[in-house]
Amino acid sequence: MAREFDADTEFEDNFLILKLAVNNTNTVVFTDLPKNVSDALEGLVTTIVNQSQHIPRPENTIARSEKLHLWHVPEDDELVTLA
């Protein structure tokens, strides 16, 4: 809350910025095409899936296991597709 009212503090980076403009009929419109916004959001899901590969299992710091990494989630997994 304090950061909202402090003009000298930088804002955090945003993962999504939607730009607005006023067109020639004085209507407020999005300047980004909905398809581009959709693609950006889908890209985030893909990035999360790709970055989550080969994460070491936490219990391996205590006792070694046969499985060294958390399970692989493919991009075509049902939950990923729904996201």
PDB file of N, CA and C in Angstrom:
ATOM      1  N   MET A   1       0.823  -1.200   0.000  1.00  0.00           N
ATOM      2  CA  MET A   1       0.000   0.000   0.000  1.00  0.00           C
ATOM      3  C   MET A   1       0.865   1.262   0.000  1.00  0.00           C
ATOM      4  N   ALA A   2       1.937   1.246   0.745  1.00  0.00           N
ATOM      5  CA  ALA A   2       2.765   2.439   0.825  1.00  0.00           C
ATOM      6  C   ALA A   2       3.378   2.772  -0.532  1.00  0.00           C
ATOM      7  N   ARG A   3       3.691   1.754  -1.314  1.00  0.00           N
ATOM      8  CA  ARG A   3       4.313   1.985  -2.617  1.00  0.00           C
ATOM      9  C   ARG A   3       3.362   2.673  -3.583  1.00  0.00           C
ATOM     10  N   GLU A   4       2.074   2.464  -3.432  1.00  0.00           N
ATOM     11  CA  GLU A   4       1.112   3.091  -4.335  1.00  0.00           C
ATOM     12  C   GLU A   4       1.141   4.611  -4.226  1.00  0.00           C
ATOM     13  N   PHE A   5       1.443   5.109  -3.055  1.00  0.00           N
ATOM     14  CA  PHE A   5       1.354   6.543  -2.810  1.00  0.00           C
ATOM     15  C   PHE A   5       2.709   7.238  -2.816  1.00  0.00           C
ATOM     16  N   ASP A   6       3.783   6.492  -3.074  1.00  0.00           N
ATOM     17  CA  ASP A   6       5.114   7.078  -3.090  1.00  0.00           C
ATOM     18  C   ASP A   6       5.554   7.246  -4.543  1.00  0.00           C
ATOM     19  N   ALA A   7       5.535   8.467  -5.006  1.00  0.00           N
ATOM     20  CA  ALA A   7       5.849   8.745  -6.415  1.00  0.00           C
ATOM     21  C   ALA A   7       7.311   8.473  -6.755  1.00  0.00           C
ATOM     22  N   ASP A   8       8.181   8.397  -5.755  1.00  0.00           N
ATOM     23  CA  ASP A   8       9.607   8.184  -5.997  1.00  0.00           C
ATOM     24  C   ASP A   8       9.989   6.712  -6.076  1.00  0.00           C
ATOM     25  N   THR A   9       9.063   5.815  -5.773  1.00  0.00           N
ATOM     26  CA  THR A   9       9.348   4.388  -5.786  1.00  0.00           C
ATOM     27  C   THR A   9       8.952   3.798  -7.133  1.00  0.00           C
ATOM     28  N   GLU A  10       9.867   3.001  -7.715  1.00  0.00           N
ATOM     29  CA  GLU A  10       9.571   2.370  -8.994  1.00  0.00           C
ATOM     30  C   GLU A  10       8.526   1.281  -8.815  1.00  0.00           C
ATOM     31  N   PHE A  11       7.717   1.094  -9.840  1.00  0.00           N
ATOM     32  CA  PHE A  11       6.742   0.014  -9.823  1.00  0.00           C
ATOM     33  C   PHE A  11       7.433  -1.292 -10.202  1.00  0.00           C
ATOM     34  N   GLU A  12       6.864  -2.397  -9.755  1.00  0.00           N
ATOM     35  CA  GLU A  12       7.397  -3.696 -10.122  1.00  0.00           C
ATOM     36  C   GLU A  12       7.137  -3.954 -11.597  1.00  0.00           C
ATOM     37  N   ASP A  13       7.964  -4.824 -12.194  1.00  0.00           N
ATOM     38  CA  ASP A  13       7.742  -5.208 -13.582  1.00  0.00           C
ATOM     39  C   ASP A  13       6.426  -5.958 -13.697  1.00  0.00           C
ATOM     40  N   ASN A  14       5.718  -5.698 -14.770  1.00  0.00           N
ATOM     41  CA  ASN A  14       4.453  -6.378 -15.031  1.00  0.00           C
ATOM     42  C   ASN A  14       4.662  -7.430 -16.101  1.00  0.00           C
ATOM     43  N   PHE A  15       3.934  -8.517 -15.987  1.00  0.00           N
ATOM     44  CA  PHE A  15       4.047  -9.541 -17.010  1.00  0.00           C
ATOM     45  C   PHE A  15       3.084  -9.285 -18.164  1.00  0.00           C
ATOM     46  N   LEU A  16       2.126  -8.388 -17.952  1.00  0.00           N
ATOM     47  CA  LEU A  16       1.147  -8.090 -18.991  1.00  0.00           C
ATOM     48  C   LEU A  16       0.763  -6.625 -18.897  1.00  0.00           C
ATOM     49  N   ILE A  17       0.889  -5.927 -20.007  1.00  0.00           N
ATOM     50  CA  ILE A  17       0.488  -4.526 -20.068  1.00  0.00           C
ATOM     51  C   ILE A  17      -0.502  -4.384 -21.214  1.00  0.00           C
ATOM     52  N   LEU A  18      -1.683  -3.909 -20.913  1.00  0.00           N
ATOM     53  CA  LEU A  18      -2.698  -3.671 -21.938  1.00  0.00           C
ATOM     54  C   LEU A  18      -2.774  -2.172 -22.184  1.00  0.00           C
ATOM     55  N   LYS A  19      -2.547  -1.776 -23.419  1.00  0.00           N
ATOM     56  CA  LYS A  19      -2.531  -0.362 -23.764  1.00  0.00           C
ATOM     57  C   LYS A  19      -3.892   0.052 -24.306  1.00  0.00           C
ATOM     58  N   LEU A  20      -4.316   1.246 -23.932  1.00  0.00           N
ATOM     59  CA  LEU A  20      -5.586   1.802 -24.389  1.00  0.00           C
ATOM     60  C   LEU A  20      -5.321   3.042 -25.219  1.00  0.00           C
ATOM     61  N   ALA A  21      -6.251   3.341 -26.116  1.00  0.00           N
ATOM     62  CA  ALA A  21      -6.162   4.550 -26.932  1.00  0.00           C
ATOM     63  C   ALA A  21      -7.581   5.026 -27.227  1.00  0.00           C
ATOM     64  N   VAL A  22      -7.670   6.248 -27.656  1.00  0.00           N
ATOM     65  CA  VAL A  22      -8.955   6.804 -28.071  1.00  0.00           C
ATOM     66  C   VAL A  22      -8.946   6.843 -29.590  1.00  0.00           C
ATOM     67  N   ASN A  23      -9.940   6.193 -30.203  1.00  0.00           N
ATOM     68  CA  ASN A  23      -9.984   6.170 -31.673  1.00  0.00           C
ATOM     69  C   ASN A  23     -10.664   7.429 -32.217  1.00  0.00           C
ATOM     70  N   ASN A  24     -10.887   7.476 -33.512  1.00  0.00           N
ATOM     71  CA  ASN A  24     -11.439   8.684 -34.150  1.00  0.00           C
ATOM     72  C   ASN A  24     -12.910   8.926 -33.820  1.00  0.00           C
ATOM     73  N   THR A  25     -13.576   7.969 -33.171  1.00  0.00           N
ATOM     74  CA  THR A  25     -14.972   8.182 -32.746  1.00  0.00           C
ATOM     75  C   THR A  25     -15.048   8.442 -31.242  1.00  0.00           C
ATOM     76  N   ASN A  26     -13.916   8.803 -30.653  1.00  0.00           N
ATOM     77  CA  ASN A  26     -13.813   9.085 -29.215  1.00  0.00           C
ATOM     78  C   ASN A  26     -14.221   7.900 -28.344  1.00  0.00           C
ATOM     79  N   THR A  27     -13.900   6.711 -28.824  1.00  0.00           N
ATOM     80  CA  THR A  27     -14.151   5.493 -28.066  1.00  0.00           C
ATOM     81  C   THR A  27     -12.816   4.958 -27.568  1.00  0.00           C
ATOM     82  N   VAL A  28     -12.791   4.516 -26.325  1.00  0.00           N
ATOM     83  CA  VAL A  28     -11.575   3.920 -25.773  1.00  0.00           C
ATOM     84  C   VAL A  28     -11.484   2.481 -26.267  1.00  0.00           C
ATOM     85  N   VAL A  29     -10.341   2.141 -26.863  1.00  0.00           N
ATOM     86  CA  VAL A  29     -10.135   0.801 -27.418  1.00  0.00           C
ATOM     87  C   VAL A  29      -8.771   0.274 -26.977  1.00  0.00           C
ATOM     88  N   PHE A  30      -8.633  -1.044 -26.998  1.00  0.00           N
ATOM     89  CA  PHE A  30      -7.334  -1.657 -26.745  1.00  0.00           C
ATOM     90  C   PHE A  30      -6.466  -1.497 -27.988  1.00  0.00           C
ATOM     91  N   THR A  31      -5.199  -1.142 -27.808  1.00  0.00           N
ATOM     92  CA  THR A  31      -4.306  -1.022 -28.957  1.00  0.00           C
ATOM     93  C   THR A  31      -3.687  -2.361 -29.326  1.00  0.00           C
ATOM     94  N   ASP A  32      -3.680  -3.302 -28.400  1.00  0.00           N
ATOM     95  CA  ASP A  32      -3.162  -4.636 -28.686  1.00  0.00           C
ATOM     96  C   ASP A  32      -4.310  -5.530 -29.150  1.00  0.00           C
ATOM     97  N   LEU A  33      -4.056  -6.291 -30.187  1.00  0.00           N
ATOM     98  CA  LEU A  33      -5.069  -7.220 -30.678  1.00  0.00           C
ATOM     99  C   LEU A  33      -5.303  -8.325 -29.648  1.00  0.00           C
ATOM    100  N   PRO A  34      -6.554  -8.744 -29.459  1.00  0.00           N
ATOM    101  CA  PRO A  34      -6.838  -9.822 -28.505  1.00  0.00           C
ATOM    102  C   PRO A  34      -6.006 -11.078 -28.761  1.00  0.00           C
ATOM    103  N   LYS A  35      -5.729 -11.384 -30.013  1.00  0.00           N
ATOM    104  CA  LYS A  35      -4.916 -12.563 -30.352  1.00  0.00           C
ATOM    105  C   LYS A  35      -3.510 -12.423 -29.797  1.00  0.00           C
ATOM    106  N   ASN A  36      -2.947 -11.208 -29.859  1.00  0.00           N
ATOM    107  CA  ASN A  36      -1.595 -10.988 -29.316  1.00  0.00           C
ATOM    108  C   ASN A  36      -1.579 -11.157 -27.807  1.00  0.00           C
ATOM    109  N   VAL A  37      -2.623 -10.685 -27.134  1.00  0.00           N
ATOM    110  CA  VAL A  37      -2.716 -10.837 -25.683  1.00  0.00           C
ATOM    111  C   VAL A  37      -2.850 -12.316 -25.332  1.00  0.00           C
ATOM    112  N   SER A  38      -3.695 -13.023 -26.051  1.00  0.00           N
ATOM    113  CA  SER A  38      -3.882 -14.459 -25.839  1.00  0.00           C
ATOM    114  C   SER A  38      -2.570 -15.217 -26.055  1.00  0.00           C
ATOM    115  N   ASP A  39      -1.861 -14.886 -27.116  1.00  0.00           N
ATOM    116  CA  ASP A  39      -0.584 -15.531 -27.397  1.00  0.00           C
ATOM    117  C   ASP A  39       0.429 -15.281 -26.281  1.00  0.00           C
ATOM    118  N   ALA A  40       0.448 -14.056 -25.749  1.00  0.00           N
ATOM    119  CA  ALA A  40       1.373 -13.733 -24.658  1.00  0.00           C
ATOM    120  C   ALA A  40       1.057 -14.544 -23.410  1.00  0.00           C
ATOM    121  N   LEU A  41      -0.229 -14.682 -23.092  1.00  0.00           N
ATOM    122  CA  LEU A  41      -0.615 -15.460 -21.916  1.00  0.00           C
ATOM    123  C   LEU A  41      -0.306 -16.941 -22.106  1.00  0.00           C
ATOM    124  N   GLU A  42      -0.573 -17.456 -23.288  1.00  0.00           N
ATOM    125  CA  GLU A  42      -0.240 -18.856 -23.571  1.00  0.00           C
ATOM    126  C   GLU A  42       1.266 -19.069 -23.512  1.00  0.00           C
ATOM    127  N   GLY A  43       2.009 -18.083 -23.946  1.00  0.00           N
ATOM    128  CA  GLY A  43       3.465 -18.171 -23.876  1.00  0.00           C
ATOM    129  C   GLY A  43       3.963 -18.274 -22.448  1.00  0.00           C
ATOM    130  N   LEU A  44       3.280 -17.602 -21.526  1.00  0.00           N
ATOM    131  CA  LEU A  44       3.659 -17.712 -20.115  1.00  0.00           C
ATOM    132  C   LEU A  44       3.492 -19.134 -19.607  1.00  0.00           C
ATOM    133  N   VAL A  45       2.385 -19.770 -19.979  1.00  0.00           N
ATOM    134  CA  VAL A  45       2.147 -21.152 -19.554  1.00  0.00           C
ATOM    135  C   VAL A  45       3.245 -22.056 -20.109  1.00  0.00           C
ATOM    136  N   THR A  46       3.573 -21.886 -21.375  1.00  0.00           N
ATOM    137  CA  THR A  46       4.627 -22.690 -21.998  1.00  0.00           C
ATOM    138  C   THR A  46       5.970 -22.462 -21.297  1.00  0.00           C
ATOM    139  N   THR A  47       6.273 -21.222 -20.975  1.00  0.00           N
ATOM    140  CA  THR A  47       7.522 -20.910 -20.282  1.00  0.00           C
ATOM    141  C   THR A  47       7.567 -21.582 -18.914  1.00  0.00           C
ATOM    142  N   ILE A  48       6.471 -21.542 -18.188  1.00  0.00           N
ATOM    143  CA  ILE A  48       6.424 -22.182 -16.867  1.00  0.00           C
ATOM    144  C   ILE A  48       6.656 -23.680 -16.998  1.00  0.00           C
ATOM    145  N   VAL A  49       6.000 -24.307 -17.968  1.00  0.00           N
ATOM    146  CA  VAL A  49       6.173 -25.751 -18.172  1.00  0.00           C
ATOM    147  C   VAL A  49       7.627 -26.061 -18.519  1.00  0.00           C
ATOM    148  N   ASN A  50       8.212 -25.298 -19.429  1.00  0.00           N
ATOM    149  CA  ASN A  50       9.594 -25.555 -19.838  1.00  0.00           C
ATOM    150  C   ASN A  50      10.593 -25.307 -18.712  1.00  0.00           C
ATOM    151  N   GLN A  51      10.363 -24.289 -17.899  1.00  0.00           N
ATOM    152  CA  GLN A  51      11.274 -23.974 -16.806  1.00  0.00           C
ATOM    153  C   GLN A  51      11.161 -24.947 -15.632  1.00  0.00           C
ATOM    154  N   SER A  52      10.069 -25.710 -15.608  1.00  0.00           N
ATOM    155  CA  SER A  52       9.872 -26.627 -14.485  1.00  0.00           C
ATOM    156  C   SER A  52      10.502 -27.996 -14.733  1.00  0.00           C
ATOM    157  N   GLN A  53      11.217 -28.153 -15.830  1.00  0.00           N
ATOM    158  CA  GLN A  53      11.870 -29.425 -16.129  1.00  0.00           C
ATOM    159  C   GLN A  53      13.155 -29.571 -15.311  1.00  0.00           C
ATOM    160  N   HIS A  54      13.418 -30.764 -14.876  1.00  0.00           N
ATOM    161  CA  HIS A  54      14.664 -31.127 -14.178  1.00  0.00           C
ATOM    162  C   HIS A  54      14.846 -30.401 -12.850  1.00  0.00           C
ATOM    163  N   ILE A  55      13.758 -30.169 -12.131  1.00  0.00           N
ATOM    164  CA  ILE A  55      13.866 -29.586 -10.792  1.00  0.00           C
ATOM    165  C   ILE A  55      14.214 -30.715  -9.829  1.00  0.00           C
ATOM    166  N   PRO A  56      15.292 -30.569  -9.061  1.00  0.00           N
ATOM    167  CA  PRO A  56      15.689 -31.639  -8.149  1.00  0.00           C
ATOM    168  C   PRO A  56      14.620 -31.894  -7.080  1.00  0.00           C
ATOM    169  N   ARG A  57      14.472 -33.155  -6.734  1.00  0.00           N
ATOM    170  CA  ARG A  57      13.529 -33.521  -5.677  1.00  0.00           C
ATOM    171  C   ARG A  57      14.106 -33.062  -4.338  1.00  0.00           C
ATOM    172  N   PRO A  58      13.322 -32.394  -3.507  1.00  0.00           N
ATOM    173  CA  PRO A  58      13.848 -31.864  -2.248  1.00  0.00           C
ATOM    174  C   PRO A  58      14.327 -32.940  -1.287  1.00  0.00           C
ATOM    175  N   GLU A  59      13.707 -34.115  -1.311  1.00  0.00           N
ATOM    176  CA  GLU A  59      14.111 -35.149  -0.353  1.00  0.00           C
ATOM    177  C   GLU A  59      15.488 -35.720  -0.664  1.00  0.00           C
ATOM    178  N   ASN A  60      16.022 -35.462  -1.852  1.00  0.00           N
ATOM    179  CA  ASN A  60      17.352 -35.959  -2.197  1.00  0.00           C
ATOM    180  C   ASN A  60      18.451 -35.242  -1.422  1.00  0.00           C
ATOM    181  N   THR A  61      18.145 -34.130  -0.781  1.00  0.00           N
ATOM    182  CA  THR A  61      19.142 -33.481   0.072  1.00  0.00           C
ATOM    183  C   THR A  61      19.289 -34.225   1.392  1.00  0.00           C
ATOM    184  N   ILE A  62      18.275 -35.019   1.732  1.00  0.00           N
ATOM    185  CA  ILE A  62      18.312 -35.796   2.980  1.00  0.00           C
ATOM    186  C   ILE A  62      18.759 -37.223   2.709  1.00  0.00           C
ATOM    187  N   ALA A  63      18.104 -37.883   1.779  1.00  0.00           N
ATOM    188  CA  ALA A  63      18.417 -39.268   1.440  1.00  0.00           C
ATOM    189  C   ALA A  63      18.239 -39.445  -0.056  1.00  0.00           C
ATOM    190  N   ARG A  64      19.189 -40.099  -0.689  1.00  0.00           N
ATOM    191  CA  ARG A  64      19.135 -40.297  -2.136  1.00  0.00           C
ATOM    192  C   ARG A  64      17.974 -41.211  -2.511  1.00  0.00           C
ATOM    193  N   SER A  65      17.350 -40.862  -3.601  1.00  0.00           N
ATOM    194  CA  SER A  65      16.237 -41.619  -4.131  1.00  0.00           C
ATOM    195  C   SER A  65      16.581 -42.040  -5.553  1.00  0.00           C
ATOM    196  N   GLU A  66      15.841 -43.014  -6.094  1.00  0.00           N
ATOM    197  CA  GLU A  66      16.039 -43.420  -7.485  1.00  0.00           C
ATOM    198  C   GLU A  66      15.639 -42.281  -8.426  1.00  0.00           C
ATOM    199  N   LYS A  67      14.640 -41.535  -8.029  1.00  0.00           N
ATOM    200  CA  LYS A  67      14.158 -40.428  -8.850  1.00  0.00           C
ATOM    201  C   LYS A  67      14.841 -39.149  -8.385  1.00  0.00           C
ATOM    202  N   LEU A  68      15.641 -38.572  -9.254  1.00  0.00           N
ATOM    203  CA  LEU A  68      16.417 -37.389  -8.883  1.00  0.00           C
ATOM    204  C   LEU A  68      15.671 -36.081  -9.101  1.00  0.00           C
ATOM    205  N   HIS A  69      14.656 -36.107  -9.988  1.00  0.00           N
ATOM    206  CA  HIS A  69      13.943 -34.876 -10.332  1.00  0.00           C
ATOM    207  C   HIS A  69      12.448 -35.048 -10.128  1.00  0.00           C
ATOM    208  N   LEU A  70      11.757 -33.920 -10.001  1.00  0.00           N
ATOM    209  CA  LEU A  70      10.301 -33.952  -9.988  1.00  0.00           C
ATOM    210  C   LEU A  70       9.823 -34.437 -11.348  1.00  0.00           C
ATOM    211  N   TRP A  71       8.593 -34.927 -11.403  1.00  0.00           N
ATOM    212  CA  TRP A  71       8.100 -35.518 -12.644  1.00  0.00           C
ATOM    213  C   TRP A  71       7.975 -34.491 -13.758  1.00  0.00           C
ATOM    214  N   HIS A  72       8.106 -35.005 -14.959  1.00  0.00           N
ATOM    215  CA  HIS A  72       8.023 -34.189 -16.170  1.00  0.00           C
ATOM    216  C   HIS A  72       6.554 -33.948 -16.519  1.00  0.00           C
ATOM    217  N   VAL A  73       6.207 -32.697 -16.807  1.00  0.00           N
ATOM    218  CA  VAL A  73       4.859 -32.363 -17.262  1.00  0.00           C
ATOM    219  C   VAL A  73       4.969 -31.944 -18.724  1.00  0.00           C
ATOM    220  N   PRO A  74       4.416 -32.750 -19.628  1.00  0.00           N
ATOM    221  CA  PRO A  74       4.519 -32.404 -21.050  1.00  0.00           C
ATOM    222  C   PRO A  74       3.599 -31.235 -21.417  1.00  0.00           C
ATOM    223  N   GLU A  75       3.951 -30.533 -22.490  1.00  0.00           N
ATOM    224  CA  GLU A  75       3.140 -29.385 -22.926  1.00  0.00           C
ATOM    225  C   GLU A  75       1.742 -29.790 -23.359  1.00  0.00           C
ATOM    226  N   ASP A  76       1.561 -31.047 -23.772  1.00  0.00           N
ATOM    227  CA  ASP A  76       0.237 -31.490 -24.202  1.00  0.00           C
ATOM    228  C   ASP A  76      -0.566 -32.134 -23.072  1.00  0.00           C
ATOM    229  N   ASP A  77      -0.084 -32.000 -21.831  1.00  0.00           N
ATOM    230  CA  ASP A  77      -0.837 -32.491 -20.674  1.00  0.00           C
ATOM    231  C   ASP A  77      -2.200 -31.767 -20.603  1.00  0.00           C
ATOM    232  N   GLU A  78      -3.208 -32.475 -20.138  1.00  0.00           N
ATOM    233  CA  GLU A  78      -4.557 -31.905 -20.121  1.00  0.00           C
ATOM    234  C   GLU A  78      -4.631 -30.605 -19.329  1.00  0.00           C
ATOM    235  N   LEU A  79      -4.006 -30.557 -18.167  1.00  0.00           N
ATOM    236  CA  LEU A  79      -4.063 -29.344 -17.343  1.00  0.00           C
ATOM    237  C   LEU A  79      -3.339 -28.172 -18.006  1.00  0.00           C
ATOM    238  N   VAL A  80      -2.235 -28.479 -18.673  1.00  0.00           N
ATOM    239  CA  VAL A  80      -1.492 -27.417 -19.380  1.00  0.00           C
ATOM    240  C   VAL A  80      -2.337 -26.902 -20.547  1.00  0.00           C
ATOM    241  N   THR A  81      -2.962 -27.815 -21.273  1.00  0.00           N
ATOM    242  CA  THR A  81      -3.799 -27.420 -22.406  1.00  0.00           C
ATOM    243  C   THR A  81      -4.965 -26.561 -21.935  1.00  0.00           C
ATOM    244  N   LEU A  82      -5.567 -26.935 -20.815  1.00  0.00           N
ATOM    245  CA  LEU A  82      -6.693 -26.141 -20.288  1.00  0.00           C
ATOM    246  C   LEU A  82      -6.232 -24.764 -19.826  1.00  0.00           C
ATOM    247  N   ALA A  83      -5.027 -24.695 -19.274  1.00  0.00           N
ATOM    248  CA  ALA A  83      -4.501 -23.397 -18.831  1.00  0.00           C
ATOM    249  C   ALA A  83      -4.275 -22.507 -20.029  1.00  0.00           C
TER     250      ALA A  83
END
